[in-house]
Amino acid sequence: MEHCAACGTPEQAAALKTLIEESRSTPGCLMHILQEAQAIYGFLPLGVQKTIAEGLGISLSEVYGVVTFYSQFSLKPKGKHRISMCLGTACYVKGADKVLAAIEEEIGIKCGECTSDGLFSIDSCRCVGACGLAPVMMIGEEVYGRLTPDRAKEILREYKKEEA
């Protein structure tokens, strides 16, 4: 089995190899391996998927099919601070699209992308269950509600300050 050196550090490749070796004899282990591999790398690039497929003796298309079916898996890197902007009905009606545009402007990326320094990534979601606080964004597990474009920018500047 070839390791995925192009996908990360030698330590990550070794952890992936160990994970596959320890799990391959367990029936239905693909989901577990994908979850753990994403924890190792932060996302599931094609090279990692290929390594998993080879290690389990299954096709790359089978692995890719599972990765793209489940929304918990990502094909793109995610930032240290993962921003999730709710675009569900309550949030959208109260201006979530304008808040999202302000977030994109503040950190210089579009929804679905990650900043080049790896600090921030933005995704949208349909509902976080905090409709009474609309519009809402989450950064990691932290919920921020009743947002305005300016307030969202202030929050992001606080995160930037903490990183400086």
N, C-alpha and C. Protein backbone atom coordinates (compact mmCIF):
# COMPACT_ATOMS: atom_id res chain seq x y z
N MET A 1 0.85 -1.19 0.00
CA MET A 1 0.00 0.00 0.00
C MET A 1 0.89 1.24 0.00
N GLU A 2 0.65 2.15 -0.95
CA GLU A 2 1.46 3.36 -1.01
C GLU A 2 0.88 4.37 -0.03
N HIS A 3 1.76 5.16 0.58
CA HIS A 3 1.24 6.14 1.54
C HIS A 3 1.00 7.46 0.84
N CYS A 4 0.24 8.30 1.49
CA CYS A 4 -0.19 9.55 0.89
C CYS A 4 0.73 10.69 1.32
N ALA A 5 1.98 10.67 0.88
CA ALA A 5 2.93 11.70 1.27
C ALA A 5 2.51 13.07 0.75
N ALA A 6 1.93 13.11 -0.43
CA ALA A 6 1.52 14.39 -1.02
C ALA A 6 0.34 15.00 -0.27
N CYS A 7 -0.33 14.21 0.56
CA CYS A 7 -1.53 14.68 1.24
C CYS A 7 -1.25 15.28 2.62
N GLY A 8 -0.04 15.23 3.08
CA GLY A 8 0.22 15.76 4.42
C GLY A 8 1.59 15.36 4.90
N THR A 9 1.73 15.34 6.21
CA THR A 9 3.01 15.05 6.82
C THR A 9 3.27 13.54 6.87
N PRO A 10 4.51 13.14 7.05
CA PRO A 10 4.80 11.71 7.23
C PRO A 10 4.07 11.13 8.45
N GLU A 11 3.89 11.95 9.48
CA GLU A 11 3.18 11.50 10.69
C GLU A 11 1.71 11.21 10.36
N GLN A 12 1.11 12.06 9.55
CA GLN A 12 -0.28 11.83 9.15
C GLN A 12 -0.39 10.55 8.33
N ALA A 13 0.54 10.38 7.39
CA ALA A 13 0.52 9.17 6.55
C ALA A 13 0.68 7.92 7.41
N ALA A 14 1.56 7.98 8.41
CA ALA A 14 1.77 6.83 9.30
C ALA A 14 0.52 6.55 10.13
N ALA A 15 -0.13 7.61 10.60
CA ALA A 15 -1.35 7.44 11.39
C ALA A 15 -2.45 6.82 10.54
N LEU A 16 -2.54 7.25 9.26
CA LEU A 16 -3.54 6.67 8.37
C LEU A 16 -3.26 5.19 8.11
N LYS A 17 -2.01 4.87 7.88
CA LYS A 17 -1.63 3.47 7.62
C LYS A 17 -1.98 2.60 8.83
N THR A 18 -1.65 3.07 10.03
CA THR A 18 -1.95 2.34 11.26
C THR A 18 -3.46 2.16 11.41
N LEU A 19 -4.21 3.24 11.16
CA LEU A 19 -5.66 3.19 11.25
C LEU A 19 -6.23 2.11 10.34
N ILE A 20 -5.76 2.09 9.10
CA ILE A 20 -6.27 1.11 8.13
C ILE A 20 -5.91 -0.31 8.58
N GLU A 21 -4.67 -0.50 9.01
CA GLU A 21 -4.23 -1.84 9.43
C GLU A 21 -5.03 -2.34 10.63
N GLU A 22 -5.31 -1.44 11.58
CA GLU A 22 -6.04 -1.84 12.79
C GLU A 22 -7.52 -2.07 12.53
N SER A 23 -8.07 -1.44 11.49
CA SER A 23 -9.52 -1.48 11.28
C SER A 23 -9.98 -2.39 10.16
N ARG A 24 -9.09 -2.76 9.24
CA ARG A 24 -9.52 -3.43 8.01
C ARG A 24 -10.24 -4.75 8.23
N SER A 25 -9.97 -5.44 9.34
CA SER A 25 -10.61 -6.74 9.55
C SER A 25 -12.02 -6.60 10.14
N THR A 26 -12.42 -5.39 10.50
CA THR A 26 -13.75 -5.15 11.06
C THR A 26 -14.75 -4.92 9.93
N PRO A 27 -15.78 -5.74 9.85
CA PRO A 27 -16.78 -5.53 8.79
C PRO A 27 -17.41 -4.13 8.91
N GLY A 28 -17.60 -3.48 7.76
CA GLY A 28 -18.22 -2.15 7.75
C GLY A 28 -17.34 -1.05 8.30
N CYS A 29 -16.03 -1.21 8.20
CA CYS A 29 -15.10 -0.26 8.82
C CYS A 29 -14.88 1.02 8.02
N LEU A 30 -15.41 1.10 6.80
CA LEU A 30 -15.12 2.26 5.95
C LEU A 30 -15.52 3.58 6.59
N MET A 31 -16.71 3.66 7.14
CA MET A 31 -17.17 4.92 7.76
C MET A 31 -16.24 5.32 8.90
N HIS A 32 -15.90 4.37 9.75
CA HIS A 32 -14.99 4.65 10.87
C HIS A 32 -13.65 5.17 10.35
N ILE A 33 -13.10 4.51 9.34
CA ILE A 33 -11.81 4.92 8.79
C ILE A 33 -11.90 6.31 8.18
N LEU A 34 -12.98 6.59 7.46
CA LEU A 34 -13.14 7.92 6.86
C LEU A 34 -13.24 9.00 7.93
N GLN A 35 -14.00 8.73 8.99
CA GLN A 35 -14.13 9.70 10.08
C GLN A 35 -12.78 9.97 10.74
N GLU A 36 -12.05 8.91 11.03
CA GLU A 36 -10.74 9.06 11.67
C GLU A 36 -9.73 9.71 10.72
N ALA A 37 -9.78 9.35 9.44
CA ALA A 37 -8.87 9.96 8.46
C ALA A 37 -9.14 11.45 8.34
N GLN A 38 -10.41 11.83 8.38
CA GLN A 38 -10.72 13.26 8.34
C GLN A 38 -10.22 13.96 9.59
N ALA A 39 -10.27 13.28 10.72
CA ALA A 39 -9.72 13.85 11.96
C ALA A 39 -8.20 14.03 11.84
N ILE A 40 -7.54 13.12 11.16
CA ILE A 40 -6.08 13.20 10.99
C ILE A 40 -5.70 14.34 10.05
N TYR A 41 -6.39 14.43 8.92
CA TYR A 41 -6.03 15.40 7.87
C TYR A 41 -6.85 16.68 7.88
N GLY A 42 -8.02 16.65 8.49
CA GLY A 42 -8.90 17.81 8.47
C GLY A 42 -9.86 17.81 7.30
N PHE A 43 -9.61 16.96 6.32
CA PHE A 43 -10.47 16.77 5.16
C PHE A 43 -10.02 15.48 4.48
N LEU A 44 -10.68 15.12 3.37
CA LEU A 44 -10.37 13.85 2.71
C LEU A 44 -9.97 14.07 1.25
N PRO A 45 -8.72 14.49 1.03
CA PRO A 45 -8.28 14.67 -0.35
C PRO A 45 -8.25 13.33 -1.10
N LEU A 46 -8.22 13.40 -2.40
CA LEU A 46 -8.28 12.20 -3.24
C LEU A 46 -7.17 11.21 -2.91
N GLY A 47 -5.97 11.70 -2.61
CA GLY A 47 -4.87 10.81 -2.27
C GLY A 47 -5.14 9.98 -1.02
N VAL A 48 -5.78 10.59 -0.04
CA VAL A 48 -6.14 9.87 1.19
C VAL A 48 -7.20 8.82 0.86
N GLN A 49 -8.17 9.20 0.04
CA GLN A 49 -9.21 8.24 -0.36
C GLN A 49 -8.60 7.06 -1.11
N LYS A 50 -7.61 7.35 -1.97
CA LYS A 50 -6.95 6.29 -2.73
C LYS A 50 -6.21 5.33 -1.78
N THR A 51 -5.52 5.90 -0.79
CA THR A 51 -4.80 5.09 0.19
C THR A 51 -5.77 4.18 0.95
N ILE A 52 -6.92 4.73 1.33
CA ILE A 52 -7.93 3.95 2.05
C ILE A 52 -8.46 2.83 1.15
N ALA A 53 -8.77 3.17 -0.09
CA ALA A 53 -9.29 2.16 -1.03
C ALA A 53 -8.30 1.02 -1.21
N GLU A 54 -7.04 1.37 -1.44
CA GLU A 54 -6.00 0.34 -1.61
C GLU A 54 -5.83 -0.49 -0.35
N GLY A 55 -5.85 0.18 0.80
CA GLY A 55 -5.67 -0.52 2.07
C GLY A 55 -6.80 -1.47 2.39
N LEU A 56 -8.01 -1.16 1.91
CA LEU A 56 -9.16 -2.02 2.18
C LEU A 56 -9.46 -2.96 1.02
N GLY A 57 -8.74 -2.80 -0.09
CA GLY A 57 -8.98 -3.65 -1.25
C GLY A 57 -10.32 -3.39 -1.91
N ILE A 58 -10.76 -2.13 -1.89
CA ILE A 58 -12.01 -1.74 -2.55
C ILE A 58 -11.71 -0.67 -3.59
N SER A 59 -12.68 -0.34 -4.41
CA SER A 59 -12.44 0.64 -5.46
C SER A 59 -12.45 2.07 -4.90
N LEU A 60 -11.69 2.91 -5.56
CA LEU A 60 -11.68 4.33 -5.21
C LEU A 60 -13.09 4.92 -5.38
N SER A 61 -13.81 4.47 -6.39
CA SER A 61 -15.16 5.00 -6.61
C SER A 61 -16.10 4.67 -5.44
N GLU A 62 -15.89 3.53 -4.80
CA GLU A 62 -16.71 3.19 -3.63
C GLU A 62 -16.42 4.14 -2.47
N VAL A 63 -15.14 4.39 -2.24
CA VAL A 63 -14.76 5.32 -1.17
C VAL A 63 -15.28 6.72 -1.49
N TYR A 64 -15.05 7.18 -2.71
CA TYR A 64 -15.48 8.51 -3.13
C TYR A 64 -17.00 8.65 -3.02
N GLY A 65 -17.72 7.60 -3.37
CA GLY A 65 -19.18 7.63 -3.27
C GLY A 65 -19.66 7.85 -1.85
N VAL A 66 -19.01 7.22 -0.89
CA VAL A 66 -19.37 7.40 0.52
C VAL A 66 -19.00 8.82 0.98
N VAL A 67 -17.81 9.27 0.60
CA VAL A 67 -17.34 10.60 1.01
C VAL A 67 -18.28 11.69 0.48
N THR A 68 -18.71 11.57 -0.76
CA THR A 68 -19.55 12.61 -1.34
C THR A 68 -21.02 12.48 -0.94
N PHE A 69 -21.43 11.32 -0.46
CA PHE A 69 -22.82 11.13 -0.04
C PHE A 69 -23.08 11.79 1.31
N TYR A 70 -22.16 11.64 2.25
CA TYR A 70 -22.36 12.14 3.61
C TYR A 70 -21.79 13.54 3.77
N SER A 71 -22.64 14.46 4.25
CA SER A 71 -22.22 15.87 4.37
C SER A 71 -21.17 16.09 5.46
N GLN A 72 -20.96 15.12 6.34
CA GLN A 72 -19.95 15.28 7.39
C GLN A 72 -18.53 15.24 6.83
N PHE A 73 -18.38 14.71 5.62
CA PHE A 73 -17.05 14.60 5.02
C PHE A 73 -16.79 15.78 4.10
N SER A 74 -15.53 16.19 4.06
CA SER A 74 -15.16 17.34 3.22
C SER A 74 -14.03 16.96 2.27
N LEU A 75 -14.16 17.39 1.04
CA LEU A 75 -13.11 17.19 0.04
C LEU A 75 -12.12 18.35 0.05
N LYS A 76 -12.46 19.42 0.75
CA LYS A 76 -11.62 20.61 0.81
C LYS A 76 -11.16 20.85 2.24
N PRO A 77 -10.00 21.47 2.40
CA PRO A 77 -9.53 21.77 3.75
C PRO A 77 -10.50 22.70 4.48
N LYS A 78 -10.56 22.55 5.78
CA LYS A 78 -11.37 23.42 6.62
C LYS A 78 -10.43 24.23 7.51
N GLY A 79 -10.88 25.41 7.88
CA GLY A 79 -10.06 26.29 8.70
C GLY A 79 -10.07 25.91 10.17
N LYS A 80 -9.14 26.47 10.90
CA LYS A 80 -9.10 26.29 12.35
C LYS A 80 -10.42 26.76 12.95
N HIS A 81 -10.92 27.88 12.42
CA HIS A 81 -12.21 28.42 12.86
C HIS A 81 -13.20 28.18 11.72
N ARG A 82 -14.09 27.22 11.94
CA ARG A 82 -15.07 26.85 10.91
C ARG A 82 -16.34 27.66 11.11
N ILE A 83 -16.62 28.51 10.14
CA ILE A 83 -17.80 29.36 10.18
C ILE A 83 -18.92 28.66 9.43
N SER A 84 -20.07 28.57 10.06
CA SER A 84 -21.24 28.00 9.41
C SER A 84 -22.35 29.03 9.49
N MET A 85 -22.75 29.56 8.34
CA MET A 85 -23.80 30.58 8.28
C MET A 85 -25.12 29.92 7.95
N CYS A 86 -26.11 30.13 8.80
CA CYS A 86 -27.42 29.56 8.56
C CYS A 86 -28.14 30.35 7.47
N LEU A 87 -28.61 29.62 6.47
CA LEU A 87 -29.40 30.22 5.40
C LEU A 87 -30.81 29.64 5.37
N GLY A 88 -31.24 29.10 6.51
CA GLY A 88 -32.60 28.60 6.63
C GLY A 88 -33.60 29.75 6.51
N THR A 89 -34.86 29.43 6.43
CA THR A 89 -35.89 30.44 6.16
C THR A 89 -35.86 31.61 7.13
N ALA A 90 -35.89 31.34 8.44
CA ALA A 90 -35.94 32.43 9.42
C ALA A 90 -34.71 33.32 9.30
N CYS A 91 -33.55 32.73 9.15
CA CYS A 91 -32.31 33.51 9.04
C CYS A 91 -32.28 34.28 7.72
N TYR A 92 -32.67 33.62 6.66
CA TYR A 92 -32.62 34.26 5.35
C TYR A 92 -33.54 35.48 5.29
N VAL A 93 -34.76 35.32 5.83
CA VAL A 93 -35.73 36.42 5.85
C VAL A 93 -35.19 37.62 6.63
N LYS A 94 -34.36 37.33 7.63
CA LYS A 94 -33.82 38.41 8.47
C LYS A 94 -32.44 38.89 8.01
N GLY A 95 -32.03 38.54 6.78
CA GLY A 95 -30.82 39.13 6.21
C GLY A 95 -29.56 38.30 6.26
N ALA A 96 -29.70 36.98 6.39
CA ALA A 96 -28.50 36.13 6.45
C ALA A 96 -27.63 36.27 5.21
N ASP A 97 -28.24 36.50 4.05
CA ASP A 97 -27.45 36.66 2.83
C ASP A 97 -26.51 37.86 2.92
N LYS A 98 -26.98 38.94 3.54
CA LYS A 98 -26.14 40.15 3.71
C LYS A 98 -25.03 39.90 4.74
N VAL A 99 -25.36 39.15 5.78
CA VAL A 99 -24.36 38.79 6.79
C VAL A 99 -23.28 37.91 6.15
N LEU A 100 -23.70 36.93 5.36
CA LEU A 100 -22.74 36.06 4.68
C LEU A 100 -21.83 36.87 3.76
N ALA A 101 -22.39 37.80 3.01
CA ALA A 101 -21.58 38.66 2.13
C ALA A 101 -20.55 39.46 2.94
N ALA A 102 -20.94 39.93 4.11
CA ALA A 102 -20.02 40.68 4.97
C ALA A 102 -18.90 39.79 5.49
N ILE A 103 -19.23 38.56 5.85
CA ILE A 103 -18.23 37.60 6.33
C ILE A 103 -17.23 37.33 5.21
N GLU A 104 -17.75 37.06 4.02
CA GLU A 104 -16.88 36.78 2.86
C GLU A 104 -15.95 37.97 2.59
N GLU A 105 -16.49 39.16 2.69
CA GLU A 105 -15.69 40.37 2.48
C GLU A 105 -14.61 40.52 3.56
N GLU A 106 -14.99 40.27 4.79
CA GLU A 106 -14.06 40.46 5.92
C GLU A 106 -12.87 39.51 5.86
N ILE A 107 -13.09 38.27 5.47
CA ILE A 107 -11.96 37.32 5.47
C ILE A 107 -11.46 36.96 4.08
N GLY A 108 -12.10 37.53 3.05
CA GLY A 108 -11.55 37.43 1.70
C GLY A 108 -11.71 36.10 1.00
N ILE A 109 -12.71 35.33 1.40
CA ILE A 109 -13.00 34.07 0.70
C ILE A 109 -14.50 33.94 0.49
N LYS A 110 -14.88 33.02 -0.36
CA LYS A 110 -16.29 32.74 -0.61
C LYS A 110 -16.73 31.51 0.19
N CYS A 111 -18.03 31.36 0.31
CA CYS A 111 -18.61 30.20 0.98
C CYS A 111 -18.08 28.93 0.33
N GLY A 112 -17.65 27.97 1.16
CA GLY A 112 -17.09 26.72 0.65
C GLY A 112 -15.57 26.74 0.56
N GLU A 113 -14.95 27.89 0.89
CA GLU A 113 -13.50 28.02 0.78
C GLU A 113 -12.85 28.12 2.15
N CYS A 114 -11.51 28.06 2.12
CA CYS A 114 -10.69 28.17 3.33
C CYS A 114 -9.63 29.23 3.06
N THR A 115 -9.34 30.07 4.06
CA THR A 115 -8.32 31.09 3.88
C THR A 115 -6.95 30.44 3.68
N SER A 116 -6.07 31.11 2.96
CA SER A 116 -4.76 30.54 2.65
C SER A 116 -3.93 30.26 3.90
N ASP A 117 -4.18 31.01 4.97
CA ASP A 117 -3.44 30.77 6.22
C ASP A 117 -4.07 29.65 7.06
N GLY A 118 -5.20 29.10 6.59
CA GLY A 118 -5.85 27.99 7.29
C GLY A 118 -6.63 28.38 8.53
N LEU A 119 -6.81 29.68 8.76
CA LEU A 119 -7.51 30.10 9.97
C LEU A 119 -9.03 29.99 9.87
N PHE A 120 -9.59 30.34 8.71
CA PHE A 120 -11.04 30.38 8.58
C PHE A 120 -11.52 29.60 7.37
N SER A 121 -12.67 28.97 7.51
CA SER A 121 -13.40 28.43 6.36
C SER A 121 -14.86 28.78 6.59
N ILE A 122 -15.59 28.91 5.48
CA ILE A 122 -17.01 29.27 5.55
C ILE A 122 -17.82 28.21 4.83
N ASP A 123 -18.91 27.80 5.47
CA ASP A 123 -19.91 26.95 4.84
C ASP A 123 -21.27 27.49 5.24
N SER A 124 -22.27 27.13 4.47
CA SER A 124 -23.63 27.50 4.85
C SER A 124 -24.34 26.23 5.29
N CYS A 125 -25.40 26.42 6.05
CA CYS A 125 -26.22 25.29 6.47
C CYS A 125 -27.68 25.73 6.40
N ARG A 126 -28.58 24.80 6.60
CA ARG A 126 -30.01 25.11 6.47
C ARG A 126 -30.68 25.48 7.78
N CYS A 127 -30.21 25.00 8.90
CA CYS A 127 -30.82 25.37 10.18
C CYS A 127 -29.93 24.89 11.32
N VAL A 128 -29.72 25.76 12.30
CA VAL A 128 -28.95 25.35 13.48
C VAL A 128 -29.87 25.22 14.71
N GLY A 129 -31.17 25.41 14.49
CA GLY A 129 -32.13 25.25 15.58
C GLY A 129 -32.20 26.43 16.52
N ALA A 130 -31.77 27.59 16.05
CA ALA A 130 -31.82 28.80 16.88
C ALA A 130 -32.58 29.90 16.13
N CYS A 131 -33.73 29.53 15.58
CA CYS A 131 -34.49 30.44 14.72
C CYS A 131 -34.90 31.73 15.42
N GLY A 132 -35.11 31.67 16.71
CA GLY A 132 -35.47 32.87 17.47
C GLY A 132 -34.34 33.88 17.54
N LEU A 133 -33.13 33.47 17.20
CA LEU A 133 -31.97 34.36 17.23
C LEU A 133 -31.53 34.79 15.83
N ALA A 134 -32.35 34.52 14.84
CA ALA A 134 -32.00 34.77 13.44
C ALA A 134 -31.61 36.24 13.19
N PRO A 135 -30.64 36.43 12.28
CA PRO A 135 -29.79 35.46 11.60
C PRO A 135 -28.65 34.96 12.49
N VAL A 136 -28.27 33.70 12.27
CA VAL A 136 -27.33 33.01 13.15
C VAL A 136 -26.14 32.46 12.36
N MET A 137 -24.95 32.56 12.98
CA MET A 137 -23.78 31.84 12.47
C MET A 137 -23.16 31.10 13.63
N MET A 138 -22.45 30.04 13.28
CA MET A 138 -21.68 29.32 14.28
C MET A 138 -20.22 29.40 13.88
N ILE A 139 -19.36 29.55 14.87
CA ILE A 139 -17.92 29.43 14.66
C ILE A 139 -17.50 28.33 15.61
N GLY A 140 -17.16 27.19 15.03
CA GLY A 140 -16.95 26.00 15.85
C GLY A 140 -18.26 25.63 16.49
N GLU A 141 -18.30 25.54 17.80
CA GLU A 141 -19.52 25.20 18.53
C GLU A 141 -20.21 26.43 19.11
N GLU A 142 -19.61 27.61 18.91
CA GLU A 142 -20.15 28.86 19.45
C GLU A 142 -21.21 29.43 18.52
N VAL A 143 -22.39 29.76 19.07
CA VAL A 143 -23.50 30.31 18.29
C VAL A 143 -23.56 31.82 18.49
N TYR A 144 -23.67 32.54 17.38
CA TYR A 144 -23.81 34.00 17.39
C TYR A 144 -25.11 34.34 16.70
N GLY A 145 -26.01 35.03 17.43
CA GLY A 145 -27.32 35.33 16.89
C GLY A 145 -27.61 36.81 16.79
N ARG A 146 -28.76 37.09 16.16
CA ARG A 146 -29.22 38.46 15.91
C ARG A 146 -28.12 39.28 15.23
N LEU A 147 -27.53 38.67 14.22
CA LEU A 147 -26.39 39.29 13.56
C LEU A 147 -26.78 40.37 12.56
N THR A 148 -25.91 41.33 12.46
CA THR A 148 -25.94 42.31 11.37
C THR A 148 -24.63 42.12 10.63
N PRO A 149 -24.52 42.62 9.40
CA PRO A 149 -23.23 42.53 8.72
C PRO A 149 -22.08 43.11 9.54
N ASP A 150 -22.30 44.26 10.16
CA ASP A 150 -21.24 44.89 10.96
C ASP A 150 -20.88 44.07 12.18
N ARG A 151 -21.86 43.50 12.87
CA ARG A 151 -21.60 42.69 14.06
C ARG A 151 -20.81 41.43 13.68
N ALA A 152 -21.15 40.82 12.55
CA ALA A 152 -20.41 39.63 12.10
C ALA A 152 -18.94 39.98 11.85
N LYS A 153 -18.71 41.13 11.23
CA LYS A 153 -17.32 41.56 10.98
C LYS A 153 -16.58 41.79 12.30
N GLU A 154 -17.26 42.40 13.28
CA GLU A 154 -16.64 42.63 14.60
C GLU A 154 -16.22 41.31 15.25
N ILE A 155 -17.11 40.32 15.18
CA ILE A 155 -16.82 39.01 15.77
C ILE A 155 -15.59 38.39 15.11
N LEU A 156 -15.52 38.46 13.79
CA LEU A 156 -14.37 37.89 13.08
C LEU A 156 -13.09 38.63 13.41
N ARG A 157 -13.18 39.94 13.60
CA ARG A 157 -11.97 40.72 13.98
C ARG A 157 -11.47 40.29 15.35
N GLU A 158 -12.39 39.92 16.25
CA GLU A 158 -11.97 39.42 17.57
C GLU A 158 -11.20 38.10 17.42
N TYR A 159 -11.67 37.22 16.56
CA TYR A 159 -10.97 35.96 16.31
C TYR A 159 -9.59 36.24 15.71
N LYS A 160 -9.52 37.20 14.80
CA LYS A 160 -8.23 37.55 14.18
C LYS A 160 -7.26 38.08 15.23
N LYS A 161 -7.77 38.93 16.14
CA LYS A 161 -6.93 39.48 17.21
C LYS A 161 -6.35 38.38 18.10
N GLU A 162 -7.20 37.40 18.44
CA GLU A 162 -6.76 36.28 19.28
C GLU A 162 -5.64 35.49 18.60
N GLU A 163 -5.66 35.44 17.27
CA GLU A 163 -4.66 34.67 16.53
C GLU A 163 -3.36 35.44 16.35
N ALA A 164 -3.44 36.78 16.46
CA ALA A 164 -2.25 37.62 16.22
C ALA A 164 -1.24 37.52 17.34
